[in-house]
PDB file of N, CA and C in Angstrom:
ATOM      1  N   MET A   1      24.149 -13.224 -60.259  1.00  0.00           N
ATOM      2  CA  MET A   1      23.265 -14.366 -60.348  1.00  0.00           C
ATOM      3  C   MET A   1      23.606 -15.221 -61.569  1.00  0.00           C
ATOM      4  N   ALA A   2      23.820 -14.565 -62.700  1.00  0.00           N
ATOM      5  CA  ALA A   2      24.139 -15.318 -63.914  1.00  0.00           C
ATOM      6  C   ALA A   2      25.485 -16.023 -63.779  1.00  0.00           C
ATOM      7  N   GLY A   3      26.410 -15.395 -63.061  1.00  0.00           N
ATOM      8  CA  GLY A   3      27.704 -16.037 -62.845  1.00  0.00           C
ATOM      9  C   GLY A   3      27.578 -17.317 -62.047  1.00  0.00           C
ATOM     10  N   GLY A   4      26.710 -17.320 -61.053  1.00  0.00           N
ATOM     11  CA  GLY A   4      26.481 -18.527 -60.259  1.00  0.00           C
ATOM     12  C   GLY A   4      25.850 -19.638 -61.068  1.00  0.00           C
ATOM     13  N   VAL A   5      24.930 -19.261 -61.949  1.00  0.00           N
ATOM     14  CA  VAL A   5      24.292 -20.260 -62.816  1.00  0.00           C
ATOM     15  C   VAL A   5      25.324 -20.866 -63.759  1.00  0.00           C
ATOM     16  N   LEU A   6      26.162 -20.019 -64.339  1.00  0.00           N
ATOM     17  CA  LEU A   6      27.201 -20.528 -65.241  1.00  0.00           C
ATOM     18  C   LEU A   6      28.207 -21.395 -64.498  1.00  0.00           C
ATOM     19  N   LEU A   7      28.548 -21.009 -63.274  1.00  0.00           N
ATOM     20  CA  LEU A   7      29.469 -21.815 -62.481  1.00  0.00           C
ATOM     21  C   LEU A   7      28.866 -23.181 -62.173  1.00  0.00           C
ATOM     22  N   SER A   8      27.593 -23.209 -61.832  1.00  0.00           N
ATOM     23  CA  SER A   8      26.918 -24.483 -61.555  1.00  0.00           C
ATOM     24  C   SER A   8      26.859 -25.363 -62.797  1.00  0.00           C
ATOM     25  N   LEU A   9      26.586 -24.768 -63.945  1.00  0.00           N
ATOM     26  CA  LEU A   9      26.576 -25.546 -65.188  1.00  0.00           C
ATOM     27  C   LEU A   9      27.965 -26.083 -65.509  1.00  0.00           C
ATOM     28  N   GLY A  10      28.995 -25.295 -65.228  1.00  0.00           N
ATOM     29  CA  GLY A  10      30.360 -25.758 -65.449  1.00  0.00           C
ATOM     30  C   GLY A  10      30.726 -26.922 -64.550  1.00  0.00           C
ATOM     31  N   ILE A  11      30.315 -26.862 -63.298  1.00  0.00           N
ATOM     32  CA  ILE A  11      30.592 -27.961 -62.368  1.00  0.00           C
ATOM     33  C   ILE A  11      29.844 -29.216 -62.797  1.00  0.00           C
ATOM     34  N   LEU A  12      28.599 -29.049 -63.230  1.00  0.00           N
ATOM     35  CA  LEU A  12      27.817 -30.187 -63.705  1.00  0.00           C
ATOM     36  C   LEU A  12      28.458 -30.815 -64.941  1.00  0.00           C
ATOM     37  N   ALA A  13      28.925 -29.980 -65.863  1.00  0.00           N
ATOM     38  CA  ALA A  13      29.591 -30.495 -67.058  1.00  0.00           C
ATOM     39  C   ALA A  13      30.887 -31.212 -66.700  1.00  0.00           C
ATOM     40  N   ALA A  14      31.620 -30.689 -65.725  1.00  0.00           N
ATOM     41  CA  ALA A  14      32.857 -31.346 -65.297  1.00  0.00           C
ATOM     42  C   ALA A  14      32.575 -32.706 -64.676  1.00  0.00           C
ATOM     43  N   GLN A  15      31.483 -32.825 -63.935  1.00  0.00           N
ATOM     44  CA  GLN A  15      31.134 -34.113 -63.338  1.00  0.00           C
ATOM     45  C   GLN A  15      30.779 -35.138 -64.409  1.00  0.00           C
ATOM     46  N   TYR A  16      30.039 -34.721 -65.418  1.00  0.00           N
ATOM     47  CA  TYR A  16      29.728 -35.639 -66.513  1.00  0.00           C
ATOM     48  C   TYR A  16      30.991 -36.021 -67.283  1.00  0.00           C
ATOM     49  N   ALA A  17      31.897 -35.071 -67.475  1.00  0.00           N
ATOM     50  CA  ALA A  17      33.143 -35.370 -68.180  1.00  0.00           C
ATOM     51  C   ALA A  17      33.988 -36.361 -67.396  1.00  0.00           C
ATOM     52  N   LEU A  18      34.024 -36.220 -66.073  1.00  0.00           N
ATOM     53  CA  LEU A  18      34.782 -37.161 -65.251  1.00  0.00           C
ATOM     54  C   LEU A  18      34.199 -38.560 -65.320  1.00  0.00           C
ATOM     55  N   ALA A  19      32.893 -38.656 -65.500  1.00  0.00           N
ATOM     56  CA  ALA A  19      32.263 -39.971 -65.604  1.00  0.00           C
ATOM     57  C   ALA A  19      32.578 -40.637 -66.939  1.00  0.00           C
ATOM     58  N   LEU A  20      32.842 -39.839 -67.966  1.00  0.00           N
ATOM     59  CA  LEU A  20      33.062 -40.394 -69.304  1.00  0.00           C
ATOM     60  C   LEU A  20      34.530 -40.645 -69.626  1.00  0.00           C
ATOM     61  N   VAL A  21      35.416 -39.761 -69.191  1.00  0.00           N
ATOM     62  CA  VAL A  21      36.846 -39.902 -69.496  1.00  0.00           C
ATOM     63  C   VAL A  21      37.647 -39.758 -68.208  1.00  0.00           C
ATOM     64  N   CYS A  22      38.932 -40.009 -68.295  1.00  0.00           N
ATOM     65  CA  CYS A  22      39.771 -39.974 -67.091  1.00  0.00           C
ATOM     66  C   CYS A  22      40.028 -38.535 -66.630  1.00  0.00           C
ATOM     67  N   LEU A  23      40.547 -38.409 -65.433  1.00  0.00           N
ATOM     68  CA  LEU A  23      40.775 -37.107 -64.811  1.00  0.00           C
ATOM     69  C   LEU A  23      41.803 -36.283 -65.573  1.00  0.00           C
ATOM     70  N   SER A  24      42.847 -36.921 -66.059  1.00  0.00           N
ATOM     71  CA  SER A  24      43.917 -36.168 -66.718  1.00  0.00           C
ATOM     72  C   SER A  24      43.455 -35.525 -68.018  1.00  0.00           C
ATOM     73  N   VAL A  25      42.446 -36.068 -68.642  1.00  0.00           N
ATOM     74  CA  VAL A  25      41.928 -35.479 -69.879  1.00  0.00           C
ATOM     75  C   VAL A  25      40.876 -34.425 -69.568  1.00  0.00           C
ATOM     76  N   SER A  26      39.917 -34.768 -68.731  1.00  0.00           N
ATOM     77  CA  SER A  26      38.798 -33.851 -68.485  1.00  0.00           C
ATOM     78  C   SER A  26      39.231 -32.596 -67.739  1.00  0.00           C
ATOM     79  N   LEU A  27      40.172 -32.708 -66.824  1.00  0.00           N
ATOM     80  CA  LEU A  27      40.621 -31.540 -66.072  1.00  0.00           C
ATOM     81  C   LEU A  27      41.343 -30.546 -66.974  1.00  0.00           C
ATOM     82  N   VAL A  28      42.172 -31.037 -67.867  1.00  0.00           N
ATOM     83  CA  VAL A  28      42.900 -30.157 -68.785  1.00  0.00           C
ATOM     84  C   VAL A  28      41.939 -29.444 -69.720  1.00  0.00           C
ATOM     85  N   ILE A  29      40.987 -30.169 -70.260  1.00  0.00           N
ATOM     86  CA  ILE A  29      40.035 -29.561 -71.187  1.00  0.00           C
ATOM     87  C   ILE A  29      39.159 -28.541 -70.464  1.00  0.00           C
ATOM     88  N   THR A  30      38.690 -28.883 -69.274  1.00  0.00           N
ATOM     89  CA  THR A  30      37.844 -27.966 -68.515  1.00  0.00           C
ATOM     90  C   THR A  30      38.585 -26.680 -68.169  1.00  0.00           C
ATOM     91  N   CYS A  31      39.809 -26.800 -67.700  1.00  0.00           N
ATOM     92  CA  CYS A  31      40.593 -25.611 -67.350  1.00  0.00           C
ATOM     93  C   CYS A  31      40.917 -24.771 -68.582  1.00  0.00           C
ATOM     94  N   SER A  32      41.190 -25.415 -69.687  1.00  0.00           N
ATOM     95  CA  SER A  32      41.507 -24.686 -70.911  1.00  0.00           C
ATOM     96  C   SER A  32      40.315 -23.895 -71.411  1.00  0.00           C
ATOM     97  N   ILE A  33      39.155 -24.523 -71.407  1.00  0.00           N
ATOM     98  CA  ILE A  33      37.949 -23.824 -71.840  1.00  0.00           C
ATOM     99  C   ILE A  33      37.659 -22.651 -70.909  1.00  0.00           C
ATOM    100  N   THR A  34      37.871 -22.843 -69.622  1.00  0.00           N
ATOM    101  CA  THR A  34      37.645 -21.772 -68.653  1.00  0.00           C
ATOM    102  C   THR A  34      38.555 -20.582 -68.923  1.00  0.00           C
ATOM    103  N   VAL A  35      39.821 -20.834 -69.184  1.00  0.00           N
ATOM    104  CA  VAL A  35      40.768 -19.744 -69.435  1.00  0.00           C
ATOM    105  C   VAL A  35      40.421 -19.004 -70.721  1.00  0.00           C
ATOM    106  N   VAL A  36      40.140 -19.726 -71.785  1.00  0.00           N
ATOM    107  CA  VAL A  36      39.868 -19.088 -73.073  1.00  0.00           C
ATOM    108  C   VAL A  36      38.574 -18.281 -73.023  1.00  0.00           C
ATOM    109  N   ILE A  37      37.507 -18.867 -72.501  1.00  0.00           N
ATOM    110  CA  ILE A  37      36.231 -18.152 -72.449  1.00  0.00           C
ATOM    111  C   ILE A  37      36.310 -16.984 -71.470  1.00  0.00           C
ATOM    112  N   GLY A  38      36.910 -17.204 -70.309  1.00  0.00           N
ATOM    113  CA  GLY A  38      37.025 -16.128 -69.329  1.00  0.00           C
ATOM    114  C   GLY A  38      37.834 -14.951 -69.835  1.00  0.00           C
ATOM    115  N   THR A  39      38.930 -15.223 -70.502  1.00  0.00           N
ATOM    116  CA  THR A  39      39.764 -14.152 -71.039  1.00  0.00           C
ATOM    117  C   THR A  39      39.036 -13.379 -72.128  1.00  0.00           C
ATOM    118  N   THR A  40      38.354 -14.094 -73.005  1.00  0.00           N
ATOM    119  CA  THR A  40      37.630 -13.441 -74.095  1.00  0.00           C
ATOM    120  C   THR A  40      36.480 -12.592 -73.567  1.00  0.00           C
ATOM    121  N   VAL A  41      35.708 -13.128 -72.634  1.00  0.00           N
ATOM    122  CA  VAL A  41      34.580 -12.373 -72.075  1.00  0.00           C
ATOM    123  C   VAL A  41      35.079 -11.139 -71.331  1.00  0.00           C
ATOM    124  N   ASN A  42      36.124 -11.287 -70.537  1.00  0.00           N
ATOM    125  CA  ASN A  42      36.660 -10.133 -69.813  1.00  0.00           C
ATOM    126  C   ASN A  42      37.210  -9.073 -70.753  1.00  0.00           C
ATOM    127  N   TYR A  43      37.754  -9.484 -71.879  1.00  0.00           N
ATOM    128  CA  TYR A  43      38.254  -8.511 -72.846  1.00  0.00           C
ATOM    129  C   TYR A  43      37.117  -7.651 -73.381  1.00  0.00           C
ATOM    130  N   PHE A  44      36.005  -8.285 -73.714  1.00  0.00           N
ATOM    131  CA  PHE A  44      34.894  -7.530 -74.285  1.00  0.00           C
ATOM    132  C   PHE A  44      34.099  -6.763 -73.226  1.00  0.00           C
ATOM    133  N   LEU A  45      34.137  -7.188 -71.978  1.00  0.00           N
ATOM    134  CA  LEU A  45      33.413  -6.463 -70.934  1.00  0.00           C
ATOM    135  C   LEU A  45      34.120  -5.172 -70.528  1.00  0.00           C
ATOM    136  N   ASP A  46      35.437  -5.163 -70.546  1.00  0.00           N
ATOM    137  CA  ASP A  46      36.185  -3.976 -70.135  1.00  0.00           C
ATOM    138  C   ASP A  46      37.301  -3.732 -71.134  1.00  0.00           C
ATOM    139  N   ASN A  47      36.991  -3.002 -72.186  1.00  0.00           N
ATOM    140  CA  ASN A  47      37.997  -2.795 -73.232  1.00  0.00           C
ATOM    141  C   ASN A  47      38.773  -1.493 -73.050  1.00  0.00           C
ATOM    142  N   ARG A  48      38.691  -0.874 -71.879  1.00  0.00           N
ATOM    143  CA  ARG A  48      39.456   0.356 -71.643  1.00  0.00           C
ATOM    144  C   ARG A  48      40.929   0.058 -71.386  1.00  0.00           C
ATOM    145  N   ILE A  49      41.200  -1.014 -70.639  1.00  0.00           N
ATOM    146  CA  ILE A  49      42.579  -1.269 -70.210  1.00  0.00           C
ATOM    147  C   ILE A  49      43.203  -2.475 -70.901  1.00  0.00           C
ATOM    148  N   ASN A  50      42.482  -3.111 -71.783  1.00  0.00           N
ATOM    149  CA  ASN A  50      42.981  -4.330 -72.419  1.00  0.00           C
ATOM    150  C   ASN A  50      43.710  -4.016 -73.714  1.00  0.00           C
ATOM    151  N   SER A  51      44.694  -4.812 -73.995  1.00  0.00           N
ATOM    152  CA  SER A  51      45.457  -4.680 -75.228  1.00  0.00           C
ATOM    153  C   SER A  51      45.351  -5.995 -75.996  1.00  0.00           C
ATOM    154  N   ALA A  52      44.628  -5.968 -77.095  1.00  0.00           N
ATOM    155  CA  ALA A  52      44.419  -7.187 -77.878  1.00  0.00           C
ATOM    156  C   ALA A  52      45.729  -7.720 -78.444  1.00  0.00           C
ATOM    157  N   GLU A  53      46.683  -6.828 -78.690  1.00  0.00           N
ATOM    158  CA  GLU A  53      47.968  -7.252 -79.246  1.00  0.00           C
ATOM    159  C   GLU A  53      48.738  -8.138 -78.272  1.00  0.00           C
ATOM    160  N   LEU A  54      48.501  -7.983 -76.993  1.00  0.00           N
ATOM    161  CA  LEU A  54      49.160  -8.812 -75.986  1.00  0.00           C
ATOM    162  C   LEU A  54      48.288  -9.973 -75.530  1.00  0.00           C
ATOM    163  N   LEU A  55      46.996  -9.737 -75.459  1.00  0.00           N
ATOM    164  CA  LEU A  55      46.100 -10.719 -74.860  1.00  0.00           C
ATOM    165  C   LEU A  55      45.864 -11.931 -75.753  1.00  0.00           C
ATOM    166  N   PHE A  56      45.454 -11.715 -76.981  1.00  0.00           N
ATOM    167  CA  PHE A  56      45.061 -12.838 -77.820  1.00  0.00           C
ATOM    168  C   PHE A  56      46.222 -13.707 -78.303  1.00  0.00           C
ATOM    169  N   PRO A  57      47.417 -13.185 -78.560  1.00  0.00           N
ATOM    170  CA  PRO A  57      48.536 -14.112 -78.810  1.00  0.00           C
ATOM    171  C   PRO A  57      48.860 -14.978 -77.595  1.00  0.00           C
ATOM    172  N   GLY A  58      48.684 -14.429 -76.400  1.00  0.00           N
ATOM    173  CA  GLY A  58      48.892 -15.231 -75.194  1.00  0.00           C
ATOM    174  C   GLY A  58      47.872 -16.343 -75.065  1.00  0.00           C
ATOM    175  N   VAL A  59      46.615 -16.028 -75.351  1.00  0.00           N
ATOM    176  CA  VAL A  59      45.568 -17.055 -75.311  1.00  0.00           C
ATOM    177  C   VAL A  59      45.814 -18.088 -76.403  1.00  0.00           C
ATOM    178  N   GLY A  60      46.236 -17.638 -77.576  1.00  0.00           N
ATOM    179  CA  GLY A  60      46.549 -18.575 -78.652  1.00  0.00           C
ATOM    180  C   GLY A  60      47.703 -19.498 -78.288  1.00  0.00           C
ATOM    181  N   SER A  61      48.721 -18.946 -77.646  1.00  0.00           N
ATOM    182  CA  SER A  61      49.840 -19.778 -77.189  1.00  0.00           C
ATOM    183  C   SER A  61      49.387 -20.794 -76.156  1.00  0.00           C
ATOM    184  N   PHE A  62      48.474 -20.385 -75.284  1.00  0.00           N
ATOM    185  CA  PHE A  62      47.932 -21.297 -74.282  1.00  0.00           C
ATOM    186  C   PHE A  62      47.177 -22.441 -74.953  1.00  0.00           C
ATOM    187  N   VAL A  63      46.368 -22.129 -75.952  1.00  0.00           N
ATOM    188  CA  VAL A  63      45.604 -23.170 -76.655  1.00  0.00           C
ATOM    189  C   VAL A  63      46.547 -24.131 -77.374  1.00  0.00           C
ATOM    190  N   ILE A  64      47.579 -23.610 -78.006  1.00  0.00           N
ATOM    191  CA  ILE A  64      48.556 -24.466 -78.687  1.00  0.00           C
ATOM    192  C   ILE A  64      49.267 -25.367 -77.682  1.00  0.00           C
ATOM    193  N   ALA A  65      49.632 -24.827 -76.522  1.00  0.00           N
ATOM    194  CA  ALA A  65      50.292 -25.634 -75.496  1.00  0.00           C
ATOM    195  C   ALA A  65      49.382 -26.747 -74.999  1.00  0.00           C
ATOM    196  N   VAL A  66      48.108 -26.463 -74.840  1.00  0.00           N
ATOM    197  CA  VAL A  66      47.160 -27.492 -74.391  1.00  0.00           C
ATOM    198  C   VAL A  66      47.007 -28.576 -75.450  1.00  0.00           C
ATOM    199  N   CYS A  67      46.928 -28.181 -76.711  1.00  0.00           N
ATOM    200  CA  CYS A  67      46.811 -29.174 -77.789  1.00  0.00           C
ATOM    201  C   CYS A  67      48.052 -30.058 -77.854  1.00  0.00           C
ATOM    202  N   LEU A  68      49.229 -29.468 -77.719  1.00  0.00           N
ATOM    203  CA  LEU A  68      50.458 -30.260 -77.731  1.00  0.00           C
ATOM    204  C   LEU A  68      50.536 -31.193 -76.527  1.00  0.00           C
ATOM    205  N   ALA A  69      50.112 -30.715 -75.367  1.00  0.00           N
ATOM    206  CA  ALA A  69      50.118 -31.570 -74.177  1.00  0.00           C
ATOM    207  C   ALA A  69      49.141 -32.730 -74.329  1.00  0.00           C
ATOM    208  N   SER A  70      47.998 -32.472 -74.944  1.00  0.00           N
ATOM    209  CA  SER A  70      47.036 -33.551 -75.180  1.00  0.00           C
ATOM    210  C   SER A  70      47.589 -34.577 -76.163  1.00  0.00           C
ATOM    211  N   ALA A  71      48.295 -34.097 -77.177  1.00  0.00           N
ATOM    212  CA  ALA A  71      48.894 -35.015 -78.142  1.00  0.00           C
ATOM    213  C   ALA A  71      49.966 -35.882 -77.485  1.00  0.00           C
ATOM    214  N   VAL A  72      50.782 -35.291 -76.636  1.00  0.00           N
ATOM    215  CA  VAL A  72      51.808 -36.060 -75.926  1.00  0.00           C
ATOM    216  C   VAL A  72      51.162 -37.073 -74.994  1.00  0.00           C
ATOM    217  N   HIS A  73      50.095 -36.676 -74.321  1.00  0.00           N
ATOM    218  CA  HIS A  73      49.387 -37.602 -73.433  1.00  0.00           C
ATOM    219  C   HIS A  73      48.827 -38.781 -74.221  1.00  0.00           C
ATOM    220  N   ALA A  74      48.280 -38.509 -75.399  1.00  0.00           N
ATOM    221  CA  ALA A  74      47.734 -39.587 -76.224  1.00  0.00           C
ATOM    222  C   ALA A  74      48.841 -40.523 -76.706  1.00  0.00           C
ATOM    223  N   LEU A  75      49.994 -39.972 -77.056  1.00  0.00           N
ATOM    224  CA  LEU A  75      51.106 -40.811 -77.493  1.00  0.00           C
ATOM    225  C   LEU A  75      51.641 -41.658 -76.347  1.00  0.00           C
ATOM    226  N   ASN A  76      51.711 -41.099 -75.154  1.00  0.00           N
ATOM    227  CA  ASN A  76      52.192 -41.854 -74.000  1.00  0.00           C
ATOM    228  C   ASN A  76      51.190 -42.903 -73.554  1.00  0.00           C
ATOM    229  N   ALA A  77      49.924 -42.670 -73.752  1.00  0.00           N
ATOM    230  CA  ALA A  77      48.905 -43.646 -73.365  1.00  0.00           C
ATOM    231  C   ALA A  77      49.021 -44.913 -74.211  1.00  0.00           C
ATOM    232  N   ASP A  78      49.490 -44.783 -75.440  1.00  0.00           N
ATOM    233  CA  ASP A  78      49.666 -45.954 -76.301  1.00  0.00           C
ATOM    234  C   ASP A  78      50.842 -46.817 -75.845  1.00  0.00           C
ATOM    235  N   ASP A  79      51.804 -46.231 -75.139  1.00  0.00           N
ATOM    236  CA  ASP A  79      52.991 -46.966 -74.698  1.00  0.00           C
ATOM    237  C   ASP A  79      52.781 -47.759 -73.416  1.00  0.00           C
ATOM    238  N   ILE A  80      51.730 -47.478 -72.685  1.00  0.00           N
ATOM    239  CA  ILE A  80      51.490 -48.151 -71.404  1.00  0.00           C
ATOM    240  C   ILE A  80      50.893 -49.529 -71.662  1.00  0.00           C
ATOM    241  N   PRO A  81      51.568 -50.589 -71.200  1.00  0.00           N
ATOM    242  CA  PRO A  81      51.008 -51.936 -71.403  1.00  0.00           C
ATOM    243  C   PRO A  81      49.802 -52.161 -70.489  1.00  0.00           C
ATOM    244  N   GLU A  82      48.866 -52.934 -70.994  1.00  0.00           N
ATOM    245  CA  GLU A  82      47.660 -53.199 -70.197  1.00  0.00           C
ATOM    246  C   GLU A  82      47.723 -54.529 -69.516  1.00  0.00           C
TER     247      GLU A  82
END
């Protein structure tokens, strides 16, 4: 039940984000937050089979890749003539 409520809140937040910013920005941010929060929550819910030495550097690399992609998108947006 709580998962459904959280999913509904996530969809509602994504709809508001789409209304405020473009799809290429809001989709990347929404997916990134989903991956980071989901991975962290799953790590703490089942710590029998998880290895923090492998998991959190991977999540950190994912966050760095998203930040770099956002920076490149911002730089390319400045080059597009209006």
